[in-house]
Amino acid sequence: MTYQCSSCGLDLADSKRSFDYDGRNQHEYYDPAGRLIPVLLFEEAPGCHLNGNMISDYTWFEGTTYRFADCIDCGAHIGWVYYYGHKRAFFALMKDALVEKPRKAPPDP
């Protein structure tokens, strides 16, 4: 399964590169405004542009800091990238910002 930006259709991430935190790659957290945000975690998300400085306030994952992740094509905010120290750990992309697209089956021989 590939995941595309719901705003422009750019390929952002692939389920082959999903990341498990506490044994799961899907989590739900409340943002500071009280909205429930479902996220999917990925080791890599090549369609993301990292934005802003490292933030340590209100992190959802203990011991991490984060930066915003935007679509490199249309600039839509799609999630966050998390770090342990200065080492990038994983991406948390908002499920509502993604469209699932099945991979094409290889042609029959």
N, C-alpha and C. Protein backbone atom coordinates (compact mmCIF):
# COMPACT_ATOMS: atom_id res chain seq x y z
N MET A 1 0.85 -1.17 0.00
CA MET A 1 0.00 0.00 0.00
C MET A 1 0.90 1.24 0.00
N THR A 2 0.59 2.17 -0.85
CA THR A 2 1.27 3.46 -0.79
C THR A 2 0.29 4.48 -0.23
N TYR A 3 0.84 5.53 0.33
CA TYR A 3 0.03 6.60 0.91
C TYR A 3 0.34 7.89 0.18
N GLN A 4 -0.72 8.53 -0.30
CA GLN A 4 -0.59 9.76 -1.06
C GLN A 4 -1.15 10.93 -0.26
N CYS A 5 -0.70 12.13 -0.62
CA CYS A 5 -1.23 13.36 -0.04
C CYS A 5 -2.69 13.51 -0.47
N SER A 6 -3.58 13.73 0.48
CA SER A 6 -5.00 13.87 0.15
C SER A 6 -5.28 15.18 -0.58
N SER A 7 -4.35 16.13 -0.53
CA SER A 7 -4.55 17.41 -1.21
C SER A 7 -4.13 17.38 -2.67
N CYS A 8 -3.01 16.69 -2.98
CA CYS A 8 -2.49 16.77 -4.35
C CYS A 8 -2.21 15.41 -4.99
N GLY A 9 -2.23 14.32 -4.23
CA GLY A 9 -2.01 13.00 -4.79
C GLY A 9 -0.56 12.54 -4.86
N LEU A 10 0.38 13.33 -4.36
CA LEU A 10 1.79 12.93 -4.37
C LEU A 10 2.01 11.71 -3.47
N ASP A 11 2.82 10.75 -3.92
CA ASP A 11 3.20 9.62 -3.07
C ASP A 11 4.06 10.13 -1.93
N LEU A 12 3.64 9.83 -0.69
CA LEU A 12 4.35 10.31 0.49
C LEU A 12 5.12 9.20 1.20
N ALA A 13 4.51 8.03 1.34
CA ALA A 13 5.11 6.95 2.11
C ALA A 13 4.57 5.61 1.62
N ASP A 14 5.25 4.54 2.05
CA ASP A 14 4.88 3.19 1.64
C ASP A 14 4.73 2.31 2.87
N SER A 15 3.72 1.46 2.87
CA SER A 15 3.48 0.59 4.03
C SER A 15 4.66 -0.36 4.28
N LYS A 16 5.48 -0.62 3.27
CA LYS A 16 6.67 -1.45 3.47
C LYS A 16 7.65 -0.81 4.45
N ARG A 17 7.53 0.51 4.65
CA ARG A 17 8.43 1.25 5.53
C ARG A 17 7.71 1.70 6.80
N SER A 18 6.65 0.97 7.20
CA SER A 18 5.94 1.34 8.42
C SER A 18 6.86 1.15 9.63
N PHE A 19 6.55 1.85 10.70
CA PHE A 19 7.37 1.84 11.92
C PHE A 19 6.47 1.52 13.10
N ASP A 20 6.92 0.62 13.96
CA ASP A 20 6.15 0.26 15.16
C ASP A 20 6.71 0.97 16.39
N TYR A 21 5.83 1.60 17.12
CA TYR A 21 6.15 2.19 18.42
C TYR A 21 5.22 1.51 19.42
N ASP A 22 5.76 0.94 20.45
CA ASP A 22 4.98 0.15 21.41
C ASP A 22 4.19 -0.96 20.72
N GLY A 23 4.79 -1.56 19.67
CA GLY A 23 4.19 -2.69 19.00
C GLY A 23 3.11 -2.37 17.98
N ARG A 24 2.89 -1.08 17.69
CA ARG A 24 1.85 -0.69 16.71
C ARG A 24 2.37 0.43 15.81
N ASN A 25 1.85 0.45 14.59
CA ASN A 25 2.22 1.57 13.70
C ASN A 25 1.10 2.59 13.56
N GLN A 26 -0.05 2.34 14.19
CA GLN A 26 -1.14 3.31 14.18
C GLN A 26 -1.44 3.73 15.61
N HIS A 27 -1.51 5.05 15.83
CA HIS A 27 -1.76 5.61 17.16
C HIS A 27 -2.76 6.75 17.05
N GLU A 28 -3.35 7.12 18.17
CA GLU A 28 -4.25 8.28 18.24
C GLU A 28 -3.84 9.11 19.45
N TYR A 29 -3.74 10.43 19.23
CA TYR A 29 -3.38 11.34 20.30
C TYR A 29 -4.22 12.61 20.18
N TYR A 30 -4.37 13.29 21.31
CA TYR A 30 -5.06 14.57 21.30
C TYR A 30 -4.05 15.69 21.12
N ASP A 31 -4.36 16.64 20.23
CA ASP A 31 -3.50 17.81 20.07
C ASP A 31 -3.84 18.82 21.16
N PRO A 32 -3.06 19.91 21.28
CA PRO A 32 -3.31 20.89 22.34
C PRO A 32 -4.71 21.50 22.30
N ALA A 33 -5.37 21.50 21.13
CA ALA A 33 -6.72 22.05 21.02
C ALA A 33 -7.79 21.02 21.38
N GLY A 34 -7.37 19.80 21.73
CA GLY A 34 -8.33 18.78 22.13
C GLY A 34 -8.87 17.92 21.00
N ARG A 35 -8.32 18.05 19.79
CA ARG A 35 -8.76 17.24 18.66
C ARG A 35 -8.03 15.90 18.67
N LEU A 36 -8.75 14.82 18.42
CA LEU A 36 -8.14 13.50 18.33
C LEU A 36 -7.50 13.35 16.94
N ILE A 37 -6.21 13.03 16.92
CA ILE A 37 -5.45 12.92 15.67
C ILE A 37 -4.95 11.49 15.50
N PRO A 38 -5.54 10.71 14.58
CA PRO A 38 -4.99 9.39 14.28
C PRO A 38 -3.76 9.55 13.37
N VAL A 39 -2.68 8.83 13.69
CA VAL A 39 -1.46 8.90 12.89
C VAL A 39 -0.98 7.50 12.53
N LEU A 40 -0.30 7.41 11.39
CA LEU A 40 0.41 6.21 10.97
C LEU A 40 1.89 6.52 11.03
N LEU A 41 2.69 5.55 11.48
CA LEU A 41 4.13 5.76 11.65
C LEU A 41 4.91 5.09 10.52
N PHE A 42 5.96 5.79 10.06
CA PHE A 42 6.80 5.30 8.98
C PHE A 42 8.27 5.56 9.30
N GLU A 43 9.15 4.63 8.87
CA GLU A 43 10.59 4.85 8.98
C GLU A 43 11.03 5.97 8.06
N GLU A 44 10.46 5.99 6.89
CA GLU A 44 10.78 6.99 5.87
C GLU A 44 9.50 7.52 5.26
N ALA A 45 9.55 8.75 4.81
CA ALA A 45 8.43 9.36 4.09
C ALA A 45 9.03 10.33 3.07
N PRO A 46 9.48 9.80 1.92
CA PRO A 46 10.20 10.61 0.94
C PRO A 46 9.43 11.81 0.39
N GLY A 47 8.10 11.80 0.49
CA GLY A 47 7.31 12.91 -0.02
C GLY A 47 7.17 14.06 0.96
N CYS A 48 7.90 14.01 2.08
CA CYS A 48 7.77 15.03 3.12
C CYS A 48 8.90 16.05 3.08
N HIS A 49 8.53 17.29 3.30
CA HIS A 49 9.48 18.39 3.52
C HIS A 49 9.44 18.70 5.01
N LEU A 50 10.61 18.74 5.65
CA LEU A 50 10.67 19.02 7.08
C LEU A 50 10.69 20.53 7.29
N ASN A 51 9.93 20.98 8.27
CA ASN A 51 9.69 22.41 8.43
C ASN A 51 9.84 22.81 9.89
N GLY A 52 10.51 23.93 10.14
CA GLY A 52 10.59 24.51 11.48
C GLY A 52 11.69 23.92 12.34
N ASN A 53 11.79 24.48 13.53
CA ASN A 53 12.79 24.05 14.50
C ASN A 53 12.30 22.84 15.28
N MET A 54 13.21 22.20 15.98
CA MET A 54 12.87 21.07 16.85
C MET A 54 12.02 21.60 18.01
N ILE A 55 10.97 20.86 18.35
CA ILE A 55 10.05 21.23 19.41
C ILE A 55 10.01 20.09 20.43
N SER A 56 10.07 20.46 21.71
CA SER A 56 10.00 19.42 22.75
C SER A 56 8.69 19.48 23.53
N ASP A 57 7.95 20.57 23.41
CA ASP A 57 6.68 20.70 24.11
C ASP A 57 5.62 19.81 23.48
N TYR A 58 4.80 19.21 24.33
CA TYR A 58 3.64 18.43 23.91
C TYR A 58 3.99 17.31 22.92
N THR A 59 5.09 16.64 23.16
CA THR A 59 5.44 15.50 22.30
C THR A 59 4.59 14.29 22.66
N TRP A 60 4.16 13.54 21.67
CA TRP A 60 3.33 12.36 21.89
C TRP A 60 4.15 11.13 22.22
N PHE A 61 5.44 11.16 21.92
CA PHE A 61 6.29 9.99 22.10
C PHE A 61 7.40 10.34 23.08
N GLU A 62 7.39 9.66 24.22
CA GLU A 62 8.31 9.97 25.32
C GLU A 62 9.76 10.00 24.86
N GLY A 63 10.46 11.06 25.29
CA GLY A 63 11.89 11.19 25.00
C GLY A 63 12.21 11.72 23.63
N THR A 64 11.21 12.21 22.89
CA THR A 64 11.45 12.69 21.53
C THR A 64 11.20 14.19 21.42
N THR A 65 11.78 14.76 20.38
CA THR A 65 11.43 16.10 19.91
C THR A 65 10.87 15.91 18.50
N TYR A 66 10.30 16.97 17.95
CA TYR A 66 9.69 16.82 16.62
C TYR A 66 9.78 18.11 15.81
N ARG A 67 9.58 17.94 14.51
CA ARG A 67 9.44 19.04 13.56
C ARG A 67 8.20 18.76 12.72
N PHE A 68 7.68 19.77 12.07
CA PHE A 68 6.52 19.59 11.20
C PHE A 68 6.95 18.96 9.88
N ALA A 69 6.06 18.15 9.29
CA ALA A 69 6.28 17.54 7.98
C ALA A 69 5.16 18.01 7.05
N ASP A 70 5.57 18.57 5.92
CA ASP A 70 4.63 19.06 4.91
C ASP A 70 4.85 18.30 3.61
N CYS A 71 3.84 18.26 2.76
CA CYS A 71 3.96 17.66 1.43
C CYS A 71 4.96 18.49 0.61
N ILE A 72 5.93 17.83 -0.03
CA ILE A 72 6.92 18.57 -0.82
C ILE A 72 6.32 19.16 -2.09
N ASP A 73 5.16 18.67 -2.52
CA ASP A 73 4.54 19.17 -3.73
C ASP A 73 3.62 20.36 -3.48
N CYS A 74 2.63 20.19 -2.58
CA CYS A 74 1.63 21.25 -2.39
C CYS A 74 1.80 22.03 -1.09
N GLY A 75 2.66 21.57 -0.18
CA GLY A 75 2.90 22.28 1.07
C GLY A 75 1.90 22.01 2.17
N ALA A 76 0.95 21.10 1.96
CA ALA A 76 -0.04 20.79 2.99
C ALA A 76 0.65 20.17 4.21
N HIS A 77 0.20 20.56 5.39
CA HIS A 77 0.72 19.94 6.62
C HIS A 77 0.18 18.52 6.69
N ILE A 78 1.08 17.53 6.79
CA ILE A 78 0.66 16.13 6.77
C ILE A 78 1.07 15.36 8.02
N GLY A 79 1.90 15.97 8.87
CA GLY A 79 2.30 15.28 10.08
C GLY A 79 3.56 15.85 10.69
N TRP A 80 4.34 14.95 11.30
CA TRP A 80 5.53 15.36 12.05
C TRP A 80 6.62 14.33 11.85
N VAL A 81 7.86 14.76 12.05
CA VAL A 81 8.98 13.83 12.11
C VAL A 81 9.55 13.91 13.52
N TYR A 82 9.80 12.74 14.10
CA TYR A 82 10.26 12.67 15.49
C TYR A 82 11.73 12.29 15.55
N TYR A 83 12.39 12.81 16.59
CA TYR A 83 13.83 12.60 16.78
C TYR A 83 14.12 12.12 18.19
N TYR A 84 15.14 11.27 18.31
CA TYR A 84 15.76 10.97 19.60
C TYR A 84 17.08 11.70 19.56
N GLY A 85 17.23 12.74 20.38
CA GLY A 85 18.40 13.61 20.27
C GLY A 85 18.36 14.29 18.92
N HIS A 86 19.46 14.18 18.16
CA HIS A 86 19.48 14.77 16.81
C HIS A 86 19.33 13.72 15.72
N LYS A 87 19.03 12.48 16.12
CA LYS A 87 18.87 11.40 15.17
C LYS A 87 17.39 11.22 14.83
N ARG A 88 17.10 11.31 13.53
CA ARG A 88 15.71 11.13 13.10
C ARG A 88 15.27 9.71 13.41
N ALA A 89 14.09 9.58 14.02
CA ALA A 89 13.60 8.27 14.45
C ALA A 89 12.47 7.75 13.54
N PHE A 90 11.43 8.58 13.29
CA PHE A 90 10.29 8.12 12.50
C PHE A 90 9.39 9.30 12.15
N PHE A 91 8.50 9.05 11.19
CA PHE A 91 7.48 10.01 10.78
C PHE A 91 6.14 9.58 11.35
N ALA A 92 5.34 10.54 11.78
CA ALA A 92 3.95 10.31 12.21
C ALA A 92 3.08 11.14 11.27
N LEU A 93 2.40 10.48 10.34
CA LEU A 93 1.59 11.18 9.35
C LEU A 93 0.11 11.04 9.70
N MET A 94 -0.59 12.16 9.61
CA MET A 94 -2.02 12.17 9.96
C MET A 94 -2.82 11.34 8.96
N LYS A 95 -3.57 10.42 9.50
CA LYS A 95 -4.37 9.54 8.65
C LYS A 95 -5.32 10.32 7.75
N ASP A 96 -5.88 11.41 8.27
CA ASP A 96 -6.81 12.23 7.48
C ASP A 96 -6.13 12.99 6.34
N ALA A 97 -4.80 13.10 6.38
CA ALA A 97 -4.06 13.80 5.33
C ALA A 97 -3.59 12.84 4.25
N LEU A 98 -3.91 11.56 4.40
CA LEU A 98 -3.42 10.53 3.48
C LEU A 98 -4.56 9.85 2.73
N VAL A 99 -4.24 9.39 1.54
CA VAL A 99 -5.13 8.54 0.75
C VAL A 99 -4.38 7.24 0.50
N GLU A 100 -5.02 6.11 0.81
CA GLU A 100 -4.40 4.81 0.57
C GLU A 100 -4.55 4.43 -0.89
N LYS A 101 -3.46 3.94 -1.46
CA LYS A 101 -3.48 3.51 -2.85
C LYS A 101 -2.83 2.12 -2.93
N PRO A 102 -3.58 1.12 -3.38
CA PRO A 102 -2.99 -0.22 -3.51
C PRO A 102 -1.85 -0.21 -4.53
N ARG A 103 -0.83 -1.02 -4.26
CA ARG A 103 0.26 -1.16 -5.23
C ARG A 103 -0.28 -1.90 -6.45
N LYS A 104 0.25 -1.56 -7.60
CA LYS A 104 -0.13 -2.26 -8.82
C LYS A 104 0.45 -3.67 -8.80
N ALA A 105 -0.35 -4.63 -9.20
CA ALA A 105 0.14 -6.01 -9.28
C ALA A 105 1.07 -6.12 -10.48
N PRO A 106 2.13 -6.94 -10.34
CA PRO A 106 3.01 -7.13 -11.49
C PRO A 106 2.25 -7.80 -12.63
N PRO A 107 2.64 -7.51 -13.85
CA PRO A 107 1.94 -8.13 -15.00
C PRO A 107 2.15 -9.65 -15.00
N ASP A 108 1.15 -10.37 -15.50
CA ASP A 108 1.26 -11.82 -15.63
C ASP A 108 2.30 -12.14 -16.70
N PRO A 109 3.10 -13.20 -16.45
CA PRO A 109 4.12 -13.57 -17.45
C PRO A 109 3.53 -14.17 -18.70
